[in-house]
Amino acid sequence: MSQEDAKKQTNTVNTVKDEAMKEYSTQTLGNGLEDNDFRAPDALLQAQQLANLLDTAVKIPFIGISVGLDFLIGMVPVIGDTAMLIASLRIVQLGRKLGLPAPLQKRMLRNTIIDFGLGFIPLFGDLVDLFYKANLKNVRIMEQWWIEQNKQQLDALAKQKLLKWEQQQDSVI
């Protein structure tokens, strides 16, 4: 095969990939979204940030355990636990705003109440707060539900990005 024939074949392959990528993206995304337009909703992003602040904001040196405001403020009897309950309920409210089904909202509320109830037990409650990260659990519930609801679009976007990456790799060669 001559060098010119190889070039023609490469151009044909690239043209076919371009057409396949355009067709695939319009078929599966079908909603006019560009790569940068499809992202997690603000309610989910806010919940993630709040959960990280409440449960894992600071890593304790030498021990390697991450703690957050829930542990630190929760050490103040009654007032600290109550303040952290209100902050944790904000994550549940963000789940409701996201459109989570009632059973998942109840599960999130149960996690929050368990965390709050255990916080009232002196010393033991503080120790449990080191390991029982109710806010992170609640955000994982939200994330899993959102991914299930958007799986087709996420898969289409991943495939689109893979095709784009393959094109870039082919053009380098």
N, C-alpha and C. Protein backbone atom coordinates (compact mmCIF):
# COMPACT_ATOMS: atom_id res chain seq x y z
N MET A 1 0.85 -1.16 0.00
CA MET A 1 0.00 0.00 0.00
C MET A 1 0.91 1.24 0.00
N SER A 2 0.60 2.13 -0.92
CA SER A 2 1.42 3.34 -1.01
C SER A 2 1.06 4.30 0.11
N GLN A 3 1.89 5.29 0.28
CA GLN A 3 1.67 6.28 1.33
C GLN A 3 0.39 7.07 1.05
N GLU A 4 0.13 7.34 -0.22
CA GLU A 4 -1.07 8.09 -0.58
C GLU A 4 -2.33 7.26 -0.31
N ASP A 5 -2.28 5.97 -0.59
CA ASP A 5 -3.42 5.09 -0.30
C ASP A 5 -3.69 5.02 1.20
N ALA A 6 -2.64 4.96 1.99
CA ALA A 6 -2.78 4.94 3.45
C ALA A 6 -3.42 6.23 3.94
N LYS A 7 -3.04 7.36 3.34
CA LYS A 7 -3.60 8.66 3.71
C LYS A 7 -5.09 8.70 3.39
N LYS A 8 -5.46 8.19 2.21
CA LYS A 8 -6.87 8.17 1.80
C LYS A 8 -7.69 7.31 2.75
N GLN A 9 -7.12 6.17 3.12
CA GLN A 9 -7.82 5.27 4.03
C GLN A 9 -8.01 5.93 5.40
N THR A 10 -6.98 6.61 5.89
CA THR A 10 -7.08 7.31 7.18
C THR A 10 -8.13 8.40 7.11
N ASN A 11 -8.15 9.16 6.01
CA ASN A 11 -9.16 10.22 5.84
C ASN A 11 -10.57 9.63 5.81
N THR A 12 -10.73 8.50 5.13
CA THR A 12 -12.04 7.85 5.06
C THR A 12 -12.48 7.40 6.45
N VAL A 13 -11.56 6.80 7.19
CA VAL A 13 -11.88 6.35 8.56
C VAL A 13 -12.28 7.55 9.43
N ASN A 14 -11.53 8.63 9.34
CA ASN A 14 -11.84 9.82 10.12
C ASN A 14 -13.19 10.41 9.74
N THR A 15 -13.51 10.42 8.45
CA THR A 15 -14.80 10.94 7.99
C THR A 15 -15.94 10.08 8.54
N VAL A 16 -15.77 8.77 8.47
CA VAL A 16 -16.79 7.86 9.01
C VAL A 16 -16.97 8.09 10.51
N LYS A 17 -15.86 8.25 11.24
CA LYS A 17 -15.94 8.50 12.69
C LYS A 17 -16.66 9.82 12.96
N ASP A 18 -16.34 10.86 12.19
CA ASP A 18 -17.01 12.16 12.36
C ASP A 18 -18.51 12.03 12.18
N GLU A 19 -18.91 11.35 11.10
CA GLU A 19 -20.33 11.17 10.83
C GLU A 19 -21.00 10.34 11.92
N ALA A 20 -20.34 9.29 12.36
CA ALA A 20 -20.90 8.43 13.41
C ALA A 20 -21.06 9.22 14.70
N MET A 21 -20.08 10.05 15.01
CA MET A 21 -20.15 10.83 16.24
C MET A 21 -21.31 11.82 16.18
N LYS A 22 -21.47 12.51 15.05
CA LYS A 22 -22.57 13.47 14.92
C LYS A 22 -23.91 12.76 15.02
N GLU A 23 -24.05 11.63 14.30
CA GLU A 23 -25.30 10.89 14.32
C GLU A 23 -25.60 10.36 15.71
N TYR A 24 -24.59 9.78 16.38
CA TYR A 24 -24.80 9.21 17.71
C TYR A 24 -25.20 10.28 18.70
N SER A 25 -24.54 11.42 18.66
CA SER A 25 -24.83 12.46 19.65
C SER A 25 -26.23 13.03 19.44
N THR A 26 -26.68 13.17 18.20
CA THR A 26 -28.02 13.70 18.00
C THR A 26 -29.08 12.65 18.30
N GLN A 27 -28.76 11.37 18.06
CA GLN A 27 -29.74 10.33 18.33
C GLN A 27 -29.94 10.13 19.82
N THR A 28 -28.85 9.99 20.57
CA THR A 28 -28.98 9.60 21.96
C THR A 28 -29.17 10.79 22.89
N LEU A 29 -28.42 11.86 22.67
CA LEU A 29 -28.66 13.02 23.51
C LEU A 29 -29.97 13.67 23.08
N GLY A 30 -30.11 13.88 21.80
CA GLY A 30 -31.37 14.30 21.24
C GLY A 30 -31.98 15.56 21.83
N ASN A 31 -31.36 16.16 22.79
CA ASN A 31 -31.95 17.33 23.43
C ASN A 31 -31.11 18.57 23.20
N GLY A 32 -30.18 18.49 22.26
CA GLY A 32 -29.38 19.66 21.92
C GLY A 32 -28.31 20.01 22.93
N LEU A 33 -28.05 19.12 23.86
CA LEU A 33 -27.04 19.42 24.88
C LEU A 33 -25.64 19.24 24.32
N GLU A 34 -24.78 20.14 24.64
CA GLU A 34 -23.36 20.02 24.33
C GLU A 34 -22.70 19.31 25.51
N ASP A 35 -21.44 18.88 25.34
CA ASP A 35 -20.72 18.20 26.43
C ASP A 35 -20.76 19.02 27.71
N ASN A 36 -20.55 20.31 27.59
CA ASN A 36 -20.42 21.17 28.77
C ASN A 36 -21.76 21.54 29.39
N ASP A 37 -22.86 21.28 28.68
CA ASP A 37 -24.18 21.66 29.19
C ASP A 37 -24.73 20.64 30.19
N PHE A 38 -24.33 19.39 30.07
CA PHE A 38 -24.90 18.34 30.89
C PHE A 38 -24.04 18.13 32.13
N ARG A 39 -24.60 18.46 33.28
CA ARG A 39 -23.88 18.30 34.53
C ARG A 39 -24.89 18.04 35.64
N ALA A 40 -24.37 17.73 36.80
CA ALA A 40 -25.25 17.48 37.94
C ALA A 40 -26.00 18.76 38.29
N PRO A 41 -27.24 18.62 38.77
CA PRO A 41 -28.02 19.81 39.13
C PRO A 41 -27.43 20.52 40.35
N ASP A 42 -27.75 21.79 40.45
CA ASP A 42 -27.22 22.61 41.55
C ASP A 42 -27.56 22.04 42.92
N ALA A 43 -28.76 21.50 43.08
CA ALA A 43 -29.16 20.94 44.38
C ALA A 43 -28.21 19.82 44.80
N LEU A 44 -27.82 18.99 43.86
CA LEU A 44 -26.90 17.89 44.16
C LEU A 44 -25.51 18.42 44.48
N LEU A 45 -25.05 19.38 43.71
CA LEU A 45 -23.72 19.97 43.96
C LEU A 45 -23.67 20.66 45.32
N GLN A 46 -24.73 21.37 45.68
CA GLN A 46 -24.79 22.02 46.99
C GLN A 46 -24.78 20.99 48.11
N ALA A 47 -25.53 19.91 47.93
CA ALA A 47 -25.57 18.85 48.94
C ALA A 47 -24.19 18.23 49.12
N GLN A 48 -23.48 18.01 48.01
CA GLN A 48 -22.13 17.44 48.09
C GLN A 48 -21.20 18.36 48.88
N GLN A 49 -21.25 19.65 48.58
CA GLN A 49 -20.38 20.60 49.29
C GLN A 49 -20.71 20.65 50.77
N LEU A 50 -21.99 20.69 51.09
CA LEU A 50 -22.41 20.75 52.49
C LEU A 50 -22.02 19.47 53.23
N ALA A 51 -22.21 18.32 52.61
CA ALA A 51 -21.84 17.04 53.25
C ALA A 51 -20.34 16.98 53.50
N ASN A 52 -19.55 17.43 52.56
CA ASN A 52 -18.10 17.43 52.75
C ASN A 52 -17.71 18.36 53.90
N LEU A 53 -18.35 19.51 53.98
CA LEU A 53 -18.07 20.44 55.07
C LEU A 53 -18.47 19.84 56.42
N LEU A 54 -19.62 19.19 56.46
CA LEU A 54 -20.12 18.64 57.73
C LEU A 54 -19.41 17.36 58.16
N ASP A 55 -18.97 16.55 57.20
CA ASP A 55 -18.43 15.23 57.56
C ASP A 55 -16.93 15.04 57.33
N THR A 56 -16.32 15.78 56.41
CA THR A 56 -14.92 15.47 56.07
C THR A 56 -14.07 16.71 55.80
N ALA A 57 -14.37 17.83 56.40
CA ALA A 57 -13.67 19.08 56.10
C ALA A 57 -12.20 19.07 56.50
N VAL A 58 -11.86 18.39 57.59
CA VAL A 58 -10.50 18.43 58.13
C VAL A 58 -10.01 17.01 58.36
N LYS A 59 -8.77 16.75 57.96
CA LYS A 59 -8.17 15.44 58.22
C LYS A 59 -7.29 15.55 59.46
N ILE A 60 -7.51 14.68 60.43
CA ILE A 60 -6.74 14.69 61.67
C ILE A 60 -5.35 14.13 61.37
N PRO A 61 -4.29 14.91 61.63
CA PRO A 61 -2.93 14.43 61.34
C PRO A 61 -2.58 13.17 62.15
N PHE A 62 -1.74 12.35 61.60
CA PHE A 62 -1.22 11.12 62.20
C PHE A 62 -2.26 10.00 62.31
N ILE A 63 -3.53 10.35 62.44
CA ILE A 63 -4.57 9.32 62.55
C ILE A 63 -5.14 9.03 61.17
N GLY A 64 -5.27 10.09 60.36
CA GLY A 64 -5.78 9.93 59.01
C GLY A 64 -7.29 9.87 58.90
N ILE A 65 -7.98 10.26 59.95
CA ILE A 65 -9.44 10.26 59.93
C ILE A 65 -9.91 11.68 59.60
N SER A 66 -10.85 11.76 58.67
CA SER A 66 -11.41 13.07 58.31
C SER A 66 -12.63 13.36 59.17
N VAL A 67 -12.70 14.58 59.65
CA VAL A 67 -13.84 15.02 60.44
C VAL A 67 -14.35 16.33 59.86
N GLY A 68 -15.55 16.67 60.22
CA GLY A 68 -16.13 17.91 59.74
C GLY A 68 -16.76 18.67 60.88
N LEU A 69 -17.55 19.65 60.49
CA LEU A 69 -18.22 20.47 61.49
C LEU A 69 -19.17 19.65 62.36
N ASP A 70 -19.75 18.60 61.80
CA ASP A 70 -20.67 17.77 62.58
C ASP A 70 -19.97 17.20 63.80
N PHE A 71 -18.75 16.75 63.64
CA PHE A 71 -17.99 16.22 64.78
C PHE A 71 -17.56 17.35 65.71
N LEU A 72 -17.00 18.39 65.15
CA LEU A 72 -16.43 19.48 65.98
C LEU A 72 -17.51 20.24 66.75
N ILE A 73 -18.52 20.69 66.04
CA ILE A 73 -19.59 21.46 66.71
C ILE A 73 -20.47 20.54 67.54
N GLY A 74 -20.60 19.29 67.10
CA GLY A 74 -21.40 18.32 67.85
C GLY A 74 -20.85 18.00 69.22
N MET A 75 -19.61 18.38 69.50
CA MET A 75 -19.03 18.15 70.83
C MET A 75 -19.66 19.06 71.88
N VAL A 76 -20.27 20.15 71.42
CA VAL A 76 -20.98 21.05 72.35
C VAL A 76 -22.33 20.40 72.63
N PRO A 77 -22.57 20.01 73.88
CA PRO A 77 -23.81 19.28 74.19
C PRO A 77 -25.08 20.04 73.78
N VAL A 78 -26.04 19.35 73.30
CA VAL A 78 -27.37 19.78 72.90
C VAL A 78 -27.34 20.85 71.79
N ILE A 79 -26.75 21.98 72.06
CA ILE A 79 -26.75 23.08 71.09
C ILE A 79 -26.00 22.68 69.82
N GLY A 80 -24.85 22.07 69.97
CA GLY A 80 -24.06 21.65 68.81
C GLY A 80 -24.78 20.60 68.00
N ASP A 81 -25.35 19.60 68.67
CA ASP A 81 -26.06 18.54 67.96
C ASP A 81 -27.31 19.08 67.26
N THR A 82 -27.99 20.02 67.90
CA THR A 82 -29.18 20.61 67.30
C THR A 82 -28.81 21.44 66.07
N ALA A 83 -27.74 22.20 66.17
CA ALA A 83 -27.29 23.00 65.02
C ALA A 83 -26.91 22.10 63.85
N MET A 84 -26.26 20.98 64.15
CA MET A 84 -25.87 20.06 63.08
C MET A 84 -27.07 19.31 62.50
N LEU A 85 -28.10 19.10 63.32
CA LEU A 85 -29.33 18.50 62.81
C LEU A 85 -29.95 19.42 61.75
N ILE A 86 -29.99 20.69 62.04
CA ILE A 86 -30.56 21.66 61.10
C ILE A 86 -29.76 21.67 59.79
N ALA A 87 -28.44 21.64 59.91
CA ALA A 87 -27.59 21.61 58.71
C ALA A 87 -27.81 20.32 57.93
N SER A 88 -27.95 19.21 58.63
CA SER A 88 -28.16 17.92 57.96
C SER A 88 -29.53 17.87 57.28
N LEU A 89 -30.51 18.50 57.89
CA LEU A 89 -31.84 18.54 57.29
C LEU A 89 -31.84 19.34 55.99
N ARG A 90 -30.90 20.26 55.86
CA ARG A 90 -30.77 21.02 54.60
C ARG A 90 -30.44 20.06 53.45
N ILE A 91 -29.63 19.05 53.71
CA ILE A 91 -29.30 18.07 52.67
C ILE A 91 -30.55 17.28 52.29
N VAL A 92 -31.35 16.90 53.27
CA VAL A 92 -32.61 16.20 53.00
C VAL A 92 -33.53 17.09 52.16
N GLN A 93 -33.58 18.36 52.50
CA GLN A 93 -34.41 19.31 51.75
C GLN A 93 -33.91 19.45 50.31
N LEU A 94 -32.60 19.44 50.12
CA LEU A 94 -32.04 19.50 48.76
C LEU A 94 -32.41 18.24 47.97
N GLY A 95 -32.49 17.11 48.65
CA GLY A 95 -32.94 15.88 48.01
C GLY A 95 -34.38 15.99 47.55
N ARG A 96 -35.21 16.59 48.38
CA ARG A 96 -36.61 16.81 48.01
C ARG A 96 -36.68 17.74 46.80
N LYS A 97 -35.87 18.79 46.82
CA LYS A 97 -35.83 19.75 45.71
C LYS A 97 -35.37 19.07 44.42
N LEU A 98 -34.48 18.11 44.53
CA LEU A 98 -33.98 17.36 43.38
C LEU A 98 -35.04 16.45 42.79
N GLY A 99 -36.05 16.10 43.60
CA GLY A 99 -37.13 15.25 43.14
C GLY A 99 -37.00 13.80 43.57
N LEU A 100 -36.22 13.55 44.62
CA LEU A 100 -36.05 12.19 45.13
C LEU A 100 -37.40 11.61 45.53
N PRO A 101 -37.61 10.32 45.25
CA PRO A 101 -38.85 9.67 45.68
C PRO A 101 -38.95 9.64 47.21
N ALA A 102 -40.16 9.58 47.70
CA ALA A 102 -40.43 9.61 49.15
C ALA A 102 -39.66 8.54 49.93
N PRO A 103 -39.58 7.28 49.46
CA PRO A 103 -38.84 6.27 50.23
C PRO A 103 -37.36 6.64 50.43
N LEU A 104 -36.75 7.24 49.42
CA LEU A 104 -35.35 7.66 49.56
C LEU A 104 -35.23 8.84 50.51
N GLN A 105 -36.19 9.74 50.47
CA GLN A 105 -36.19 10.87 51.40
C GLN A 105 -36.33 10.36 52.84
N LYS A 106 -37.16 9.34 53.04
CA LYS A 106 -37.33 8.76 54.37
C LYS A 106 -36.04 8.10 54.85
N ARG A 107 -35.34 7.43 53.92
CA ARG A 107 -34.06 6.81 54.28
C ARG A 107 -33.04 7.87 54.69
N MET A 108 -33.02 8.98 53.96
CA MET A 108 -32.12 10.08 54.30
C MET A 108 -32.48 10.67 55.67
N LEU A 109 -33.76 10.84 55.91
CA LEU A 109 -34.21 11.38 57.19
C LEU A 109 -33.84 10.42 58.33
N ARG A 110 -33.97 9.12 58.08
CA ARG A 110 -33.59 8.12 59.10
C ARG A 110 -32.10 8.24 59.42
N ASN A 111 -31.24 8.36 58.40
CA ASN A 111 -29.80 8.52 58.63
C ASN A 111 -29.52 9.76 59.48
N THR A 112 -30.21 10.84 59.18
CA THR A 112 -30.02 12.10 59.91
C THR A 112 -30.47 11.97 61.37
N ILE A 113 -31.60 11.32 61.59
CA ILE A 113 -32.12 11.15 62.96
C ILE A 113 -31.22 10.23 63.77
N ILE A 114 -30.70 9.16 63.14
CA ILE A 114 -29.76 8.27 63.85
C ILE A 114 -28.53 9.05 64.29
N ASP A 115 -27.98 9.85 63.37
CA ASP A 115 -26.80 10.66 63.68
C ASP A 115 -27.10 11.62 64.84
N PHE A 116 -28.26 12.25 64.78
CA PHE A 116 -28.66 13.20 65.82
C PHE A 116 -28.86 12.49 67.15
N GLY A 117 -29.55 11.35 67.14
CA GLY A 117 -29.82 10.61 68.37
C GLY A 117 -28.55 10.11 69.04
N LEU A 118 -27.64 9.57 68.24
CA LEU A 118 -26.39 9.07 68.80
C LEU A 118 -25.53 10.22 69.36
N GLY A 119 -25.68 11.40 68.78
CA GLY A 119 -24.91 12.55 69.24
C GLY A 119 -25.25 12.97 70.67
N PHE A 120 -26.42 12.57 71.15
CA PHE A 120 -26.82 12.94 72.51
C PHE A 120 -26.17 12.07 73.57
N ILE A 121 -25.58 10.96 73.19
CA ILE A 121 -24.92 10.09 74.16
C ILE A 121 -23.52 10.64 74.41
N PRO A 122 -23.24 11.08 75.63
CA PRO A 122 -21.93 11.69 75.91
C PRO A 122 -20.77 10.76 75.55
N LEU A 123 -19.73 11.31 75.00
CA LEU A 123 -18.51 10.65 74.56
C LEU A 123 -18.74 9.59 73.48
N PHE A 124 -19.65 8.65 73.72
CA PHE A 124 -19.93 7.62 72.73
C PHE A 124 -20.45 8.25 71.45
N GLY A 125 -21.35 9.22 71.59
CA GLY A 125 -21.92 9.91 70.43
C GLY A 125 -20.85 10.65 69.63
N ASP A 126 -19.91 11.25 70.35
CA ASP A 126 -18.81 11.96 69.67
C ASP A 126 -17.91 10.97 68.94
N LEU A 127 -17.67 9.83 69.55
CA LEU A 127 -16.85 8.80 68.93
C LEU A 127 -17.55 8.24 67.67
N VAL A 128 -18.85 8.02 67.76
CA VAL A 128 -19.61 7.52 66.62
C VAL A 128 -19.57 8.52 65.47
N ASP A 129 -19.59 9.83 65.79
CA ASP A 129 -19.53 10.86 64.76
C ASP A 129 -18.26 10.79 63.92
N LEU A 130 -17.22 10.20 64.48
CA LEU A 130 -15.98 10.03 63.71
C LEU A 130 -16.18 9.07 62.54
N PHE A 131 -17.06 8.09 62.72
CA PHE A 131 -17.18 7.02 61.74
C PHE A 131 -18.53 6.97 61.02
N TYR A 132 -19.59 7.44 61.65
CA TYR A 132 -20.92 7.41 61.02
C TYR A 132 -21.14 8.75 60.33
N LYS A 133 -20.97 8.77 59.02
CA LYS A 133 -21.05 10.00 58.23
C LYS A 133 -22.42 10.04 57.54
N ALA A 134 -23.45 10.44 58.28
CA ALA A 134 -24.82 10.44 57.77
C ALA A 134 -24.98 11.35 56.56
N ASN A 135 -24.32 12.49 56.57
CA ASN A 135 -24.48 13.43 55.47
C ASN A 135 -23.89 12.88 54.18
N LEU A 136 -22.74 12.24 54.27
CA LEU A 136 -22.16 11.62 53.08
C LEU A 136 -23.03 10.47 52.58
N LYS A 137 -23.60 9.70 53.51
CA LYS A 137 -24.51 8.62 53.12
C LYS A 137 -25.71 9.19 52.36
N ASN A 138 -26.24 10.29 52.87
CA ASN A 138 -27.40 10.90 52.23
C ASN A 138 -27.07 11.42 50.83
N VAL A 139 -25.90 11.99 50.68
CA VAL A 139 -25.49 12.47 49.36
C VAL A 139 -25.29 11.30 48.40
N ARG A 140 -24.76 10.18 48.89
CA ARG A 140 -24.59 9.00 48.03
C ARG A 140 -25.95 8.50 47.54
N ILE A 141 -26.96 8.56 48.40
CA ILE A 141 -28.31 8.18 48.00
C ILE A 141 -28.78 9.09 46.86
N MET A 142 -28.56 10.38 47.02
CA MET A 142 -28.95 11.35 45.99
C MET A 142 -28.19 11.10 44.68
N GLU A 143 -26.89 10.87 44.79
CA GLU A 143 -26.06 10.66 43.59
C GLU A 143 -26.50 9.41 42.83
N GLN A 144 -26.70 8.32 43.57
CA GLN A 144 -27.10 7.07 42.92
C GLN A 144 -28.43 7.22 42.20
N TRP A 145 -29.38 7.89 42.85
CA TRP A 145 -30.69 8.10 42.23
C TRP A 145 -30.55 8.96 40.98
N TRP A 146 -29.78 10.04 41.07
CA TRP A 146 -29.63 10.94 39.92
C TRP A 146 -28.95 10.22 38.75
N ILE A 147 -27.95 9.42 39.04
CA ILE A 147 -27.26 8.68 37.98
C ILE A 147 -28.22 7.68 37.32
N GLU A 148 -29.03 7.00 38.12
CA GLU A 148 -30.02 6.07 37.55
C GLU A 148 -30.99 6.80 36.63
N GLN A 149 -31.41 8.00 37.04
CA GLN A 149 -32.37 8.78 36.25
C GLN A 149 -31.77 9.31 34.95
N ASN A 150 -30.46 9.50 34.92
CA ASN A 150 -29.79 10.13 33.78
C ASN A 150 -28.80 9.20 33.09
N LYS A 151 -28.92 7.92 33.30
CA LYS A 151 -27.95 6.96 32.77
C LYS A 151 -27.81 7.05 31.26
N GLN A 152 -28.89 7.13 30.54
CA GLN A 152 -28.82 7.16 29.07
C GLN A 152 -28.04 8.38 28.60
N GLN A 153 -28.32 9.54 29.16
CA GLN A 153 -27.61 10.75 28.76
C GLN A 153 -26.13 10.69 29.16
N LEU A 154 -25.85 10.17 30.34
CA LEU A 154 -24.47 10.05 30.79
C LEU A 154 -23.68 9.08 29.90
N ASP A 155 -24.31 7.96 29.54
CA ASP A 155 -23.65 7.00 28.65
C ASP A 155 -23.39 7.62 27.28
N ALA A 156 -24.38 8.36 26.76
CA ALA A 156 -24.22 9.00 25.46
C ALA A 156 -23.10 10.04 25.50
N LEU A 157 -23.05 10.80 26.56
CA LEU A 157 -22.00 11.81 26.70
C LEU A 157 -20.63 11.15 26.80
N ALA A 158 -20.53 10.06 27.57
CA ALA A 158 -19.26 9.35 27.70
C ALA A 158 -18.82 8.80 26.35
N LYS A 159 -19.75 8.23 25.61
CA LYS A 159 -19.41 7.69 24.29
C LYS A 159 -18.97 8.81 23.35
N GLN A 160 -19.66 9.93 23.42
CA GLN A 160 -19.31 11.08 22.58
C GLN A 160 -17.90 11.56 22.90
N LYS A 161 -17.58 11.65 24.17
CA LYS A 161 -16.24 12.10 24.57
C LYS A 161 -15.18 11.08 24.17
N LEU A 162 -15.51 9.80 24.25
CA LEU A 162 -14.57 8.76 23.83
C LEU A 162 -14.28 8.87 22.33
N LEU A 163 -15.33 9.05 21.54
CA LEU A 163 -15.14 9.21 20.10
C LEU A 163 -14.28 10.44 19.80
N LYS A 164 -14.52 11.52 20.52
CA LYS A 164 -13.74 12.74 20.33
C LYS A 164 -12.28 12.49 20.69
N TRP A 165 -12.05 11.79 21.78
CA TRP A 165 -10.68 11.47 22.20
C TRP A 165 -9.99 10.59 21.16
N GLU A 166 -10.73 9.58 20.64
CA GLU A 166 -10.16 8.71 19.62
C GLU A 166 -9.77 9.51 18.38
N GLN A 167 -10.60 10.47 18.01
CA GLN A 167 -10.28 11.33 16.88
C GLN A 167 -8.98 12.08 17.12
N GLN A 168 -8.85 12.62 18.33
CA GLN A 168 -7.64 13.37 18.65
C GLN A 168 -6.42 12.47 18.59
N GLN A 169 -6.56 11.23 19.06
CA GLN A 169 -5.46 10.30 19.03
C GLN A 169 -5.09 9.93 17.60
N ASP A 170 -6.12 9.76 16.75
CA ASP A 170 -5.88 9.42 15.35
C ASP A 170 -5.18 10.56 14.62
N SER A 171 -5.53 11.79 14.96
CA SER A 171 -4.92 12.93 14.28
C SER A 171 -3.47 13.14 14.71
N VAL A 172 -3.11 12.66 15.89
CA VAL A 172 -1.73 12.76 16.38
C VAL A 172 -0.83 11.79 15.62
N ILE A 173 -1.39 10.64 15.30
CA ILE A 173 -0.61 9.58 14.66
C ILE A 173 -0.31 9.90 13.26
